[in-house]
């Protein structure tokens, strides 16, 4: 049930969430983020905006998780999301590290004259 009067929090948070969703999709359109990342940010900020507008919706989260208090359910869920984001960032960091190692290795071999430019295009 939505309240008839909104608190400043219930006005500012959805507006900020909408702004963040627009920003995320702007990055997707400029190919700085993937569509998957855009979807994740949209789901996240939409959820934050919805919870700020309808705080009683945390009761559903409490029921799903089996945690009796709404605040505890929200806290545990947030910690889970943070761990997911951390895991995702670590995976991306390792991927970037492997790409840097590959580029440095190819450049070093090229500079040493061991690998010609022809071999480089065949390996990719």
Protein backbone atom coordinates (compact mmCIF):
# COMPACT_ATOMS: atom_id res chain seq x y z
CA UNK A 1 0.00 0.00 0.00
CA UNK A 2 1.52 3.30 -1.09
CA UNK A 3 1.37 6.25 1.29
CA UNK A 4 -0.54 9.33 0.29
CA UNK A 5 2.29 11.62 1.38
CA UNK A 6 5.84 10.95 0.29
CA UNK A 7 8.87 11.59 2.44
CA UNK A 8 11.86 13.34 0.87
CA UNK A 9 13.61 9.95 0.83
CA UNK A 10 10.76 8.48 -1.23
CA UNK A 11 11.14 11.25 -3.77
CA UNK A 12 14.92 11.53 -4.01
CA UNK A 13 15.81 7.81 -4.14
CA UNK A 14 13.58 6.90 -7.14
CA UNK A 15 14.76 10.00 -9.02
CA UNK A 16 18.39 9.10 -8.31
CA UNK A 17 17.68 5.49 -9.30
CA UNK A 18 16.17 6.64 -12.59
CA UNK A 19 19.18 8.83 -13.22
CA UNK A 20 21.52 5.91 -12.57
CA UNK A 21 19.54 3.66 -14.94
CA UNK A 22 19.75 6.29 -17.70
CA UNK A 23 23.50 6.65 -17.03
CA UNK A 24 24.04 2.88 -17.15
CA UNK A 25 22.27 2.56 -20.51
CA UNK A 26 24.18 5.58 -21.81
CA UNK A 27 27.38 3.65 -21.05
CA UNK A 28 25.93 0.58 -22.78
CA UNK A 29 25.09 2.59 -25.89
CA UNK A 30 28.62 4.05 -25.92
CA UNK A 31 29.92 0.45 -25.60
CA UNK A 32 31.69 1.16 -22.32
CA UNK A 33 29.51 -1.42 -20.50
CA UNK A 34 27.88 -4.64 -21.67
CA UNK A 35 24.14 -5.13 -22.06
CA UNK A 36 24.31 -7.64 -19.19
CA UNK A 37 25.78 -4.95 -16.91
CA UNK A 38 23.06 -2.53 -18.03
CA UNK A 39 20.39 -5.08 -17.13
CA UNK A 40 21.97 -5.74 -13.73
CA UNK A 41 22.14 -2.03 -12.91
CA UNK A 42 18.54 -1.56 -14.08
CA UNK A 43 17.32 -4.39 -11.83
CA UNK A 44 19.34 -3.10 -8.88
CA UNK A 45 18.25 0.55 -9.08
CA UNK A 46 14.66 -0.40 -9.88
CA UNK A 47 14.62 -2.57 -6.75
CA UNK A 48 16.06 0.23 -4.63
CA UNK A 49 13.47 2.68 -5.97
CA UNK A 50 10.62 0.21 -5.44
CA UNK A 51 11.67 -0.55 -1.86
CA UNK A 52 11.94 3.17 -1.10
CA UNK A 53 8.42 3.75 -2.44
CA UNK A 54 6.87 0.61 -0.89
CA UNK A 55 8.83 -0.26 2.29
CA UNK A 56 6.32 -3.00 3.15
CA UNK A 57 7.64 -4.94 0.14
CA UNK A 58 10.50 -6.08 2.39
CA UNK A 59 7.97 -8.42 4.00
CA UNK A 60 8.07 -10.51 0.81
CA UNK A 61 11.86 -10.68 1.03
CA UNK A 62 11.55 -11.81 4.65
CA UNK A 63 9.13 -14.53 3.64
CA UNK A 64 11.34 -15.74 0.77
CA UNK A 65 14.53 -15.85 2.84
CA UNK A 66 12.87 -17.19 5.98
CA UNK A 67 14.38 -14.40 8.08
CA UNK A 68 11.81 -13.00 10.49
CA UNK A 69 12.77 -9.32 10.63
CA UNK A 70 12.58 -7.21 7.48
CA UNK A 71 15.74 -5.29 8.35
CA UNK A 72 17.77 -8.46 8.79
CA UNK A 73 16.48 -9.88 5.50
CA UNK A 74 17.45 -6.67 3.69
CA UNK A 75 20.90 -6.65 5.34
CA UNK A 76 21.66 -10.29 4.54
CA UNK A 77 20.45 -9.85 0.97
CA UNK A 78 22.62 -6.73 0.56
CA UNK A 79 25.66 -8.62 1.88
CA UNK A 80 24.95 -11.39 -0.63
CA UNK A 81 24.73 -8.87 -3.47
CA UNK A 82 28.00 -7.27 -2.34
CA UNK A 83 29.74 -10.66 -2.37
CA UNK A 84 28.36 -11.32 -5.86
CA UNK A 85 29.67 -7.96 -7.10
CA UNK A 86 33.04 -8.62 -5.47
CA UNK A 87 33.27 -12.04 -7.13
CA UNK A 88 32.31 -10.50 -10.48
CA UNK A 89 34.96 -7.78 -10.15
CA UNK A 90 37.65 -10.31 -9.23
CA UNK A 91 36.76 -12.40 -12.29
CA UNK A 92 36.94 -9.30 -14.54
CA UNK A 93 40.27 -8.28 -12.99
CA UNK A 94 41.76 -11.72 -13.64
CA UNK A 95 40.49 -11.61 -17.22
CA UNK A 96 42.09 -8.19 -17.77
CA UNK A 97 45.34 -9.40 -16.19
CA UNK A 98 45.48 -12.33 -18.63
CA UNK A 99 44.87 -9.98 -21.55
CA UNK A 100 47.66 -7.63 -20.40
CA UNK A 101 50.07 -10.56 -19.99
CA UNK A 102 49.24 -11.76 -23.51
CA UNK A 103 49.80 -8.30 -25.02
CA UNK A 104 53.07 -7.76 -23.13
CA UNK A 105 54.31 -11.23 -24.09
CA UNK A 106 53.53 -10.67 -27.78
CA UNK A 107 55.12 -7.22 -27.73
CA UNK A 108 58.26 -8.54 -26.04
CA UNK A 109 58.61 -11.38 -28.54
CA UNK A 110 58.04 -8.95 -31.42
CA UNK A 111 60.65 -6.49 -30.07
CA UNK A 112 63.12 -9.34 -29.62
CA UNK A 113 62.58 -10.38 -33.23
CA UNK A 114 61.41 -13.85 -32.27
CA UNK A 115 57.88 -13.43 -33.54
CA UNK A 116 57.08 -11.76 -36.84
CA UNK A 117 53.91 -9.73 -37.40
CA UNK A 118 52.61 -12.52 -39.67
CA UNK A 119 52.56 -15.05 -36.81
CA UNK A 120 50.65 -12.68 -34.59
CA UNK A 121 47.60 -12.53 -36.86
CA UNK A 122 47.58 -16.34 -37.30
CA UNK A 123 47.40 -16.97 -33.53
CA UNK A 124 44.34 -14.74 -32.99
